[in-house]
């Protein structure tokens, strides 16, 4: 049986931390930034941790 492939989209969007959690970027920081406040854009710039409810699905996509 051939090897399972990871989902390329998930591979590009998520990164595993040292503790086994998954890092993700915030949405709404790609375009149309002129109408968003500096504070909002600054807060969207930081990475976030994937919620526990979604972690199982994302790990399955990454074949962890």
Protein backbone atom coordinates (compact mmCIF):
# COMPACT_ATOMS: atom_id res chain seq x y z
CA UNK A 1 0.00 0.00 0.00
CA UNK A 2 1.42 3.46 -0.88
CA UNK A 3 2.36 6.03 1.73
CA UNK A 4 -0.26 8.53 2.87
CA UNK A 5 0.34 12.08 1.69
CA UNK A 6 -0.03 15.07 3.97
CA UNK A 7 -2.47 17.78 2.91
CA UNK A 8 -0.35 20.43 1.18
CA UNK A 9 -2.65 23.23 2.39
CA UNK A 10 -2.23 22.18 6.03
CA UNK A 11 1.52 21.79 5.60
CA UNK A 12 1.75 25.42 4.47
CA UNK A 13 -0.56 26.87 7.16
CA UNK A 14 0.38 25.10 10.39
CA UNK A 15 3.62 24.59 12.30
CA UNK A 16 4.24 22.27 15.25
CA UNK A 17 5.69 23.82 18.42
CA UNK A 18 8.18 22.12 20.71
CA UNK A 19 5.41 21.14 23.11
CA UNK A 20 3.36 19.47 20.37
CA UNK A 21 0.84 22.26 19.89
CA UNK A 22 0.03 23.74 16.49
CA UNK A 23 0.73 27.36 15.55
CA UNK A 24 -1.45 29.22 13.07
CA UNK A 25 -1.68 32.72 11.65
CA UNK A 26 -4.64 35.03 12.07
CA UNK A 27 -7.07 35.68 9.24
CA UNK A 28 -7.99 39.15 7.88
CA UNK A 29 -4.39 40.34 7.60
CA UNK A 30 -3.88 39.77 3.88
CA UNK A 31 -5.46 42.73 2.11
CA UNK A 32 -7.81 45.71 2.55
CA UNK A 33 -5.64 46.92 5.42
CA UNK A 34 -6.29 50.65 4.98
CA UNK A 35 -9.60 50.64 6.82
CA UNK A 36 -8.32 48.53 9.73
CA UNK A 37 -6.85 50.25 12.78
CA UNK A 38 -3.17 49.95 13.68
CA UNK A 39 -4.07 48.11 16.88
CA UNK A 40 -6.19 45.57 15.01
CA UNK A 41 -3.49 44.94 12.41
CA UNK A 42 -0.81 44.64 15.10
CA UNK A 43 -2.85 42.06 17.01
CA UNK A 44 -3.48 40.06 13.83
CA UNK A 45 0.27 39.97 13.16
CA UNK A 46 1.01 37.57 16.06
CA UNK A 47 0.64 33.81 15.73
CA UNK A 48 -1.98 31.87 17.65
CA UNK A 49 -2.36 28.30 18.92
CA UNK A 50 -4.94 26.02 17.31
CA UNK A 51 -7.86 25.33 19.64
CA UNK A 52 -8.08 21.89 21.26
CA UNK A 53 -11.38 21.18 19.46
CA UNK A 54 -9.69 21.62 16.06
CA UNK A 55 -6.32 20.12 16.95
CA UNK A 56 -7.32 16.52 16.18
CA UNK A 57 -8.48 17.40 12.65
CA UNK A 58 -5.37 19.43 11.86
CA UNK A 59 -3.04 16.72 13.19
CA UNK A 60 -4.85 14.20 11.01
CA UNK A 61 -4.27 16.42 7.97
CA UNK A 62 -0.57 16.58 8.87
CA UNK A 63 -0.47 12.82 9.55
CA UNK A 64 0.92 13.21 13.06
